[in-house]
Amino acid sequence: MLRKTVLITLLLGLGGSWSMATAQVQSHESIRRAAADHVRAQYDGPKRELKVKVDQLDSRLRLSQCDSALETFAPPGRSLPSKQTIGVRCSAGQPWSLYVPVNVSIMKNILVASRELPRGSMVDADDLRLEQRDVARLRAGYLEHAQQAVGKIVKRTLHQGDALLPSQILMPEAVKRGGKVIILAKAGPLQVRMAGKALNSGSTGELIEVMNESSQKRVEGIIVAPGVVEVPL
């Protein structure tokens, strides 16, 4: 009787081990592929610019095979464009969820300095060239067209090969503080021009304060051209 009990116990133990060994497991490749596809689907530019590399998962990770298509999502919080975390989950059978690290590169031709540009210098077309860079790493933005930079002033010295960022250039001053300006008051077809004095410096499109030289009244207006400030009538 004892030998029979031992035999039954052994068989039950072997059966349990066999069940675990033969259980279907979700392949790591399918999880990594789902995360990569999620990133590609979110990118609305040319796919040739995008390169996605998904980190290998821990080899000890064993998740039950999902009975439905894997779901992907962006976890709460902000991630860097170049280093993202994508959630992958199964909502059928034995549900599970995990986060997958993904490295992203977006290669584009952007403007870089073709020579050293000292602080305060005005950008010319010859000062620029296009060069392929990973813009996913440029958190402050980038420029792709020469007209976005030509005629603007460099705020800090740029060395040859430096990418031109929107924050590094600005429009030249169209009005200088203390300088004489024309105050243009408009209301439909009616226009009135008055002599004024700029109380602030500014570039075209910026709002500054000016003073009417006749009335000594201070008003705010928008610089519409060098030396011309438009105010409401």
C-alpha atoms as a PDB file:
ATOM      1  CA  MET A   1       0.000   0.000   0.000  1.00  0.00           C
ATOM      2  CA  LEU A   2       2.871   2.347   0.841  1.00  0.00           C
ATOM      3  CA  ARG A   3       4.576   1.679  -2.527  1.00  0.00           C
ATOM      4  CA  LYS A   4       1.298   2.462  -4.359  1.00  0.00           C
ATOM      5  CA  THR A   5       0.906   5.784  -2.495  1.00  0.00           C
ATOM      6  CA  VAL A   6       4.500   6.811  -3.333  1.00  0.00           C
ATOM      7  CA  LEU A   7       3.972   5.942  -7.013  1.00  0.00           C
ATOM      8  CA  ILE A   8       0.783   8.071  -7.245  1.00  0.00           C
ATOM      9  CA  THR A   9       2.578  10.999  -5.594  1.00  0.00           C
ATOM     10  CA  LEU A  10       5.471  10.776  -8.076  1.00  0.00           C
ATOM     11  CA  LEU A  11       3.117  10.666 -11.042  1.00  0.00           C
ATOM     12  CA  LEU A  12       1.198  13.706  -9.797  1.00  0.00           C
ATOM     13  CA  GLY A  13       4.468  15.595  -9.301  1.00  0.00           C
ATOM     14  CA  LEU A  14       5.685  14.743 -12.785  1.00  0.00           C
ATOM     15  CA  GLY A  15       2.360  15.782 -14.247  1.00  0.00           C
ATOM     16  CA  GLY A  16       2.583  19.212 -12.621  1.00  0.00           C
ATOM     17  CA  SER A  17       6.129  19.734 -13.877  1.00  0.00           C
ATOM     18  CA  TRP A  18       5.142  18.653 -17.381  1.00  0.00           C
ATOM     19  CA  SER A  19       2.219  21.132 -17.352  1.00  0.00           C
ATOM     20  CA  MET A  20       4.514  24.055 -16.430  1.00  0.00           C
ATOM     21  CA  ALA A  21       7.111  23.074 -18.992  1.00  0.00           C
ATOM     22  CA  THR A  22       4.608  22.859 -21.813  1.00  0.00           C
ATOM     23  CA  ALA A  23       2.580  25.989 -20.922  1.00  0.00           C
ATOM     24  CA  GLN A  24       2.482  28.478 -23.827  1.00  0.00           C
ATOM     25  CA  VAL A  25       4.602  31.553 -23.191  1.00  0.00           C
ATOM     26  CA  GLN A  26       4.368  34.945 -24.937  1.00  0.00           C
ATOM     27  CA  SER A  27       7.496  35.388 -27.026  1.00  0.00           C
ATOM     28  CA  HIS A  28       9.748  38.297 -26.133  1.00  0.00           C
ATOM     29  CA  GLU A  29      10.039  39.139 -29.819  1.00  0.00           C
ATOM     30  CA  SER A  30       6.269  39.691 -30.109  1.00  0.00           C
ATOM     31  CA  ILE A  31       6.333  42.037 -27.094  1.00  0.00           C
ATOM     32  CA  ARG A  32       9.284  44.025 -28.462  1.00  0.00           C
ATOM     33  CA  ARG A  33       7.656  44.191 -31.892  1.00  0.00           C
ATOM     34  CA  ALA A  34       4.412  45.543 -30.385  1.00  0.00           C
ATOM     35  CA  ALA A  35       6.331  48.304 -28.579  1.00  0.00           C
ATOM     36  CA  ALA A  36       8.227  49.253 -31.758  1.00  0.00           C
ATOM     37  CA  ASP A  37       5.023  49.308 -33.830  1.00  0.00           C
ATOM     38  CA  HIS A  38       3.425  51.638 -31.279  1.00  0.00           C
ATOM     39  CA  VAL A  39       6.245  54.184 -31.714  1.00  0.00           C
ATOM     40  CA  ARG A  40       6.140  53.950 -35.512  1.00  0.00           C
ATOM     41  CA  ALA A  41       2.368  54.488 -35.521  1.00  0.00           C
ATOM     42  CA  GLN A  42       2.715  57.720 -33.533  1.00  0.00           C
ATOM     43  CA  TYR A  43       5.243  59.241 -35.949  1.00  0.00           C
ATOM     44  CA  ASP A  44       3.591  61.237 -38.716  1.00  0.00           C
ATOM     45  CA  GLY A  45       6.730  61.991 -40.724  1.00  0.00           C
ATOM     46  CA  PRO A  46       8.433  59.878 -43.407  1.00  0.00           C
ATOM     47  CA  LYS A  47       9.142  56.442 -41.959  1.00  0.00           C
ATOM     48  CA  ARG A  48      12.622  56.434 -43.503  1.00  0.00           C
ATOM     49  CA  GLU A  49      13.619  59.107 -40.957  1.00  0.00           C
ATOM     50  CA  LEU A  50      12.622  56.965 -38.010  1.00  0.00           C
ATOM     51  CA  LYS A  51      14.803  54.335 -36.360  1.00  0.00           C
ATOM     52  CA  VAL A  52      13.425  52.345 -33.420  1.00  0.00           C
ATOM     53  CA  LYS A  53      15.487  50.059 -31.197  1.00  0.00           C
ATOM     54  CA  VAL A  54      13.803  48.102 -28.420  1.00  0.00           C
ATOM     55  CA  ASP A  55      15.895  46.860 -25.513  1.00  0.00           C
ATOM     56  CA  GLN A  56      16.118  43.120 -24.878  1.00  0.00           C
ATOM     57  CA  LEU A  57      13.813  41.850 -22.143  1.00  0.00           C
ATOM     58  CA  ASP A  58      15.052  39.938 -19.111  1.00  0.00           C
ATOM     59  CA  SER A  59      15.598  36.347 -20.238  1.00  0.00           C
ATOM     60  CA  ARG A  60      13.950  35.123 -17.012  1.00  0.00           C
ATOM     61  CA  LEU A  61      10.679  36.870 -17.876  1.00  0.00           C
ATOM     62  CA  ARG A  62       7.952  34.331 -18.701  1.00  0.00           C
ATOM     63  CA  LEU A  63       4.454  35.639 -19.435  1.00  0.00           C
ATOM     64  CA  SER A  64       1.505  33.522 -20.484  1.00  0.00           C
ATOM     65  CA  GLN A  65       0.642  33.733 -24.150  1.00  0.00           C
ATOM     66  CA  CYS A  66      -2.147  36.240 -24.715  1.00  0.00           C
ATOM     67  CA  ASP A  67      -5.446  34.957 -26.105  1.00  0.00           C
ATOM     68  CA  SER A  68      -5.918  38.231 -28.032  1.00  0.00           C
ATOM     69  CA  ALA A  69      -3.781  40.833 -29.780  1.00  0.00           C
ATOM     70  CA  LEU A  70      -1.351  42.671 -27.512  1.00  0.00           C
ATOM     71  CA  GLU A  71      -2.337  46.203 -26.496  1.00  0.00           C
ATOM     72  CA  THR A  72       0.138  49.081 -26.292  1.00  0.00           C
ATOM     73  CA  PHE A  73      -0.079  52.441 -24.529  1.00  0.00           C
ATOM     74  CA  ALA A  74       1.987  55.426 -23.438  1.00  0.00           C
ATOM     75  CA  PRO A  75       2.384  55.459 -19.632  1.00  0.00           C
ATOM     76  CA  PRO A  76       1.550  58.665 -17.712  1.00  0.00           C
ATOM     77  CA  GLY A  77       4.316  61.235 -17.513  1.00  0.00           C
ATOM     78  CA  ARG A  78       6.535  62.843 -20.109  1.00  0.00           C
ATOM     79  CA  SER A  79       9.439  60.964 -21.648  1.00  0.00           C
ATOM     80  CA  LEU A  80      12.289  62.168 -23.837  1.00  0.00           C
ATOM     81  CA  PRO A  81      11.710  61.775 -27.605  1.00  0.00           C
ATOM     82  CA  SER A  82      14.923  59.731 -27.855  1.00  0.00           C
ATOM     83  CA  LYS A  83      14.248  57.466 -24.854  1.00  0.00           C
ATOM     84  CA  GLN A  84      10.682  56.324 -24.464  1.00  0.00           C
ATOM     85  CA  THR A  85       8.853  53.768 -22.353  1.00  0.00           C
ATOM     86  CA  ILE A  86       5.966  51.930 -23.988  1.00  0.00           C
ATOM     87  CA  GLY A  87       3.427  49.881 -22.065  1.00  0.00           C
ATOM     88  CA  VAL A  88       2.471  46.466 -23.439  1.00  0.00           C
ATOM     89  CA  ARG A  89      -0.385  44.480 -21.917  1.00  0.00           C
ATOM     90  CA  CYS A  90      -2.608  41.461 -22.358  1.00  0.00           C
ATOM     91  CA  SER A  91      -6.276  41.793 -21.413  1.00  0.00           C
ATOM     92  CA  ALA A  92      -7.379  38.240 -22.205  1.00  0.00           C
ATOM     93  CA  GLY A  93      -6.713  34.841 -20.630  1.00  0.00           C
ATOM     94  CA  GLN A  94      -4.223  35.531 -17.839  1.00  0.00           C
ATOM     95  CA  PRO A  95      -3.842  39.348 -17.974  1.00  0.00           C
ATOM     96  CA  TRP A  96      -0.416  40.937 -17.587  1.00  0.00           C
ATOM     97  CA  SER A  97       1.258  44.281 -18.228  1.00  0.00           C
ATOM     98  CA  LEU A  98       4.833  45.524 -18.477  1.00  0.00           C
ATOM     99  CA  TYR A  99       6.866  48.539 -19.596  1.00  0.00           C
ATOM    100  CA  VAL A 100       9.375  48.274 -22.418  1.00  0.00           C
ATOM    101  CA  PRO A 101      12.286  50.759 -22.914  1.00  0.00           C
ATOM    102  CA  VAL A 102      12.569  52.001 -26.501  1.00  0.00           C
ATOM    103  CA  ASN A 103      15.372  54.085 -28.076  1.00  0.00           C
ATOM    104  CA  VAL A 104      14.241  56.368 -30.891  1.00  0.00           C
ATOM    105  CA  SER A 105      16.261  58.206 -33.554  1.00  0.00           C
ATOM    106  CA  ILE A 106      14.787  60.649 -36.081  1.00  0.00           C
ATOM    107  CA  MET A 107      17.342  61.502 -38.746  1.00  0.00           C
ATOM    108  CA  LYS A 108      16.726  64.760 -40.618  1.00  0.00           C
ATOM    109  CA  ASN A 109      18.697  67.294 -42.630  1.00  0.00           C
ATOM    110  CA  ILE A 110      18.859  70.409 -40.464  1.00  0.00           C
ATOM    111  CA  LEU A 111      20.714  73.723 -40.531  1.00  0.00           C
ATOM    112  CA  VAL A 112      24.177  73.836 -38.967  1.00  0.00           C
ATOM    113  CA  ALA A 113      26.811  76.560 -38.947  1.00  0.00           C
ATOM    114  CA  SER A 114      29.267  76.228 -41.850  1.00  0.00           C
ATOM    115  CA  ARG A 115      31.778  78.416 -39.979  1.00  0.00           C
ATOM    116  CA  GLU A 116      32.131  80.122 -36.626  1.00  0.00           C
ATOM    117  CA  LEU A 117      29.418  82.750 -36.091  1.00  0.00           C
ATOM    118  CA  PRO A 118      30.329  85.301 -33.406  1.00  0.00           C
ATOM    119  CA  ARG A 119      27.686  86.539 -31.018  1.00  0.00           C
ATOM    120  CA  GLY A 120      25.746  89.477 -32.483  1.00  0.00           C
ATOM    121  CA  SER A 121      26.527  88.652 -36.102  1.00  0.00           C
ATOM    122  CA  MET A 122      23.819  88.525 -38.757  1.00  0.00           C
ATOM    123  CA  VAL A 123      23.291  85.152 -40.422  1.00  0.00           C
ATOM    124  CA  ASP A 124      23.922  84.931 -44.166  1.00  0.00           C
ATOM    125  CA  ALA A 125      23.069  82.043 -46.494  1.00  0.00           C
ATOM    126  CA  ASP A 126      26.778  81.211 -46.822  1.00  0.00           C
ATOM    127  CA  ASP A 127      26.964  80.729 -43.055  1.00  0.00           C
ATOM    128  CA  LEU A 128      24.700  77.685 -43.238  1.00  0.00           C
ATOM    129  CA  ARG A 129      24.691  74.139 -44.526  1.00  0.00           C
ATOM    130  CA  LEU A 130      22.377  71.164 -44.229  1.00  0.00           C
ATOM    131  CA  GLU A 131      23.584  68.169 -42.264  1.00  0.00           C
ATOM    132  CA  GLN A 132      21.848  65.008 -41.114  1.00  0.00           C
ATOM    133  CA  ARG A 133      21.333  64.884 -37.356  1.00  0.00           C
ATOM    134  CA  ASP A 134      19.274  62.935 -34.839  1.00  0.00           C
ATOM    135  CA  VAL A 135      16.598  65.519 -34.016  1.00  0.00           C
ATOM    136  CA  ALA A 136      15.057  63.298 -31.327  1.00  0.00           C
ATOM    137  CA  ARG A 137      17.954  64.447 -29.151  1.00  0.00           C
ATOM    138  CA  LEU A 138      17.407  68.151 -29.878  1.00  0.00           C
ATOM    139  CA  ARG A 139      14.910  69.022 -27.167  1.00  0.00           C
ATOM    140  CA  ALA A 140      15.093  72.766 -27.962  1.00  0.00           C
ATOM    141  CA  GLY A 141      13.999  72.285 -31.574  1.00  0.00           C
ATOM    142  CA  TYR A 142      15.816  72.741 -34.881  1.00  0.00           C
ATOM    143  CA  LEU A 143      15.648  74.582 -38.225  1.00  0.00           C
ATOM    144  CA  GLU A 144      15.334  72.986 -41.657  1.00  0.00           C
ATOM    145  CA  HIS A 145      15.127  75.938 -44.074  1.00  0.00           C
ATOM    146  CA  ALA A 146      17.628  78.761 -44.643  1.00  0.00           C
ATOM    147  CA  GLN A 147      14.896  81.418 -44.702  1.00  0.00           C
ATOM    148  CA  GLN A 148      14.212  80.601 -41.059  1.00  0.00           C
ATOM    149  CA  ALA A 149      17.649  81.945 -40.091  1.00  0.00           C
ATOM    150  CA  VAL A 150      18.981  84.301 -42.786  1.00  0.00           C
ATOM    151  CA  GLY A 151      18.882  87.940 -41.666  1.00  0.00           C
ATOM    152  CA  LYS A 152      18.579  87.079 -37.991  1.00  0.00           C
ATOM    153  CA  ILE A 153      21.078  87.799 -35.218  1.00  0.00           C
ATOM    154  CA  VAL A 154      23.077  85.145 -33.381  1.00  0.00           C
ATOM    155  CA  LYS A 155      22.514  85.395 -29.616  1.00  0.00           C
ATOM    156  CA  ARG A 156      25.656  83.442 -28.694  1.00  0.00           C
ATOM    157  CA  THR A 157      28.754  82.309 -30.559  1.00  0.00           C
ATOM    158  CA  LEU A 158      28.177  79.234 -32.712  1.00  0.00           C
ATOM    159  CA  HIS A 159      31.064  77.010 -33.750  1.00  0.00           C
ATOM    160  CA  GLN A 160      31.391  75.266 -37.089  1.00  0.00           C
ATOM    161  CA  GLY A 161      29.039  72.278 -37.164  1.00  0.00           C
ATOM    162  CA  ASP A 162      26.793  73.529 -34.337  1.00  0.00           C
ATOM    163  CA  ALA A 163      23.079  73.029 -35.009  1.00  0.00           C
ATOM    164  CA  LEU A 164      21.077  76.254 -35.238  1.00  0.00           C
ATOM    165  CA  LEU A 165      18.323  76.182 -32.641  1.00  0.00           C
ATOM    166  CA  PRO A 166      15.344  78.558 -32.697  1.00  0.00           C
ATOM    167  CA  SER A 167      16.347  79.872 -29.264  1.00  0.00           C
ATOM    168  CA  GLN A 168      19.834  80.864 -30.498  1.00  0.00           C
ATOM    169  CA  ILE A 169      18.762  83.465 -33.065  1.00  0.00           C
ATOM    170  CA  LEU A 170      16.487  86.486 -33.019  1.00  0.00           C
ATOM    171  CA  MET A 171      15.181  89.137 -35.368  1.00  0.00           C
ATOM    172  CA  PRO A 172      17.344  92.291 -35.592  1.00  0.00           C
ATOM    173  CA  GLU A 173      16.043  95.292 -33.690  1.00  0.00           C
ATOM    174  CA  ALA A 174      13.677  97.342 -35.820  1.00  0.00           C
ATOM    175  CA  VAL A 175      13.287 100.026 -33.145  1.00  0.00           C
ATOM    176  CA  LYS A 176      15.813 101.207 -30.566  1.00  0.00           C
ATOM    177  CA  ARG A 177      14.897 102.604 -27.183  1.00  0.00           C
ATOM    178  CA  GLY A 178      14.996 106.411 -27.256  1.00  0.00           C
ATOM    179  CA  GLY A 179      14.918 106.491 -31.042  1.00  0.00           C
ATOM    180  CA  LYS A 180      12.414 108.397 -33.126  1.00  0.00           C
ATOM    181  CA  VAL A 181       9.529 106.399 -34.587  1.00  0.00           C
ATOM    182  CA  ILE A 182       6.431 106.964 -36.651  1.00  0.00           C
ATOM    183  CA  ILE A 183       3.279 106.161 -34.696  1.00  0.00           C
ATOM    184  CA  LEU A 184       0.731 104.776 -37.125  1.00  0.00           C
ATOM    185  CA  ALA A 185      -2.873 104.831 -35.893  1.00  0.00           C
ATOM    186  CA  LYS A 186      -5.281 102.857 -38.098  1.00  0.00           C
ATOM    187  CA  ALA A 187      -9.017 102.343 -38.112  1.00  0.00           C
ATOM    188  CA  GLY A 188     -10.228 100.700 -41.319  1.00  0.00           C
ATOM    189  CA  PRO A 189      -9.166 102.865 -44.281  1.00  0.00           C
ATOM    190  CA  LEU A 190      -8.353 105.809 -41.973  1.00  0.00           C
ATOM    191  CA  GLN A 191      -4.683 106.279 -41.078  1.00  0.00           C
ATOM    192  CA  VAL A 192      -3.051 108.914 -38.899  1.00  0.00           C
ATOM    193  CA  ARG A 193       0.725 109.316 -38.614  1.00  0.00           C
ATOM    194  CA  MET A 194       2.386 111.030 -35.683  1.00  0.00           C
ATOM    195  CA  ALA A 195       5.951 111.587 -34.544  1.00  0.00           C
ATOM    196  CA  GLY A 196       6.902 109.553 -31.508  1.00  0.00           C
ATOM    197  CA  LYS A 197       9.690 108.246 -29.330  1.00  0.00           C
ATOM    198  CA  ALA A 198      10.380 104.584 -28.567  1.00  0.00           C
ATOM    199  CA  LEU A 199      10.411 103.761 -24.869  1.00  0.00           C
ATOM    200  CA  ASN A 200      11.602 100.194 -25.532  1.00  0.00           C
ATOM    201  CA  SER A 201      13.697  98.408 -28.111  1.00  0.00           C
ATOM    202  CA  GLY A 202      12.121  95.665 -30.174  1.00  0.00           C
ATOM    203  CA  SER A 203      11.969  93.610 -33.354  1.00  0.00           C
ATOM    204  CA  THR A 204       9.278  93.473 -36.005  1.00  0.00           C
ATOM    205  CA  GLY A 205       6.105  91.930 -34.592  1.00  0.00           C
ATOM    206  CA  GLU A 206       6.884  92.778 -30.964  1.00  0.00           C
ATOM    207  CA  LEU A 207       4.765  94.953 -28.682  1.00  0.00           C
ATOM    208  CA  ILE A 208       6.519  98.053 -27.286  1.00  0.00           C
ATOM    209  CA  GLU A 209       5.622 101.300 -25.562  1.00  0.00           C
ATOM    210  CA  VAL A 210       5.977 104.611 -27.412  1.00  0.00           C
ATOM    211  CA  MET A 211       5.300 108.253 -26.538  1.00  0.00           C
ATOM    212  CA  ASN A 212       3.491 110.730 -28.747  1.00  0.00           C
ATOM    213  CA  GLU A 213       5.859 113.726 -28.986  1.00  0.00           C
ATOM    214  CA  SER A 214       2.992 116.190 -29.323  1.00  0.00           C
ATOM    215  CA  SER A 215       0.720 115.032 -26.508  1.00  0.00           C
ATOM    216  CA  GLN A 216       3.379 113.272 -24.396  1.00  0.00           C
ATOM    217  CA  LYS A 217       0.875 110.420 -24.141  1.00  0.00           C
ATOM    218  CA  ARG A 218       2.220 106.899 -23.764  1.00  0.00           C
ATOM    219  CA  VAL A 219       0.649 104.076 -25.765  1.00  0.00           C
ATOM    220  CA  GLU A 220       1.486 100.493 -26.681  1.00  0.00           C
ATOM    221  CA  GLY A 221       1.833  99.356 -30.260  1.00  0.00           C
ATOM    222  CA  ILE A 222       3.232  96.656 -32.504  1.00  0.00           C
ATOM    223  CA  ILE A 223       6.350  97.209 -34.588  1.00  0.00           C
ATOM    224  CA  VAL A 224       5.224  96.655 -38.201  1.00  0.00           C
ATOM    225  CA  ALA A 225       8.402  97.883 -39.950  1.00  0.00           C
ATOM    226  CA  PRO A 226      11.748  99.440 -38.987  1.00  0.00           C
ATOM    227  CA  GLY A 227      10.888 102.704 -37.198  1.00  0.00           C
ATOM    228  CA  VAL A 228       7.105 102.235 -37.548  1.00  0.00           C
ATOM    229  CA  VAL A 229       4.815 101.321 -34.629  1.00  0.00           C
ATOM    230  CA  GLU A 230       1.111 100.669 -35.185  1.00  0.00           C
ATOM    231  CA  VAL A 231      -1.334 101.553 -32.419  1.00  0.00           C
ATOM    232  CA  PRO A 232      -5.136 101.290 -32.222  1.00  0.00           C
ATOM    233  CA  LEU A 233      -6.946 104.475 -33.179  1.00  0.00           C
END
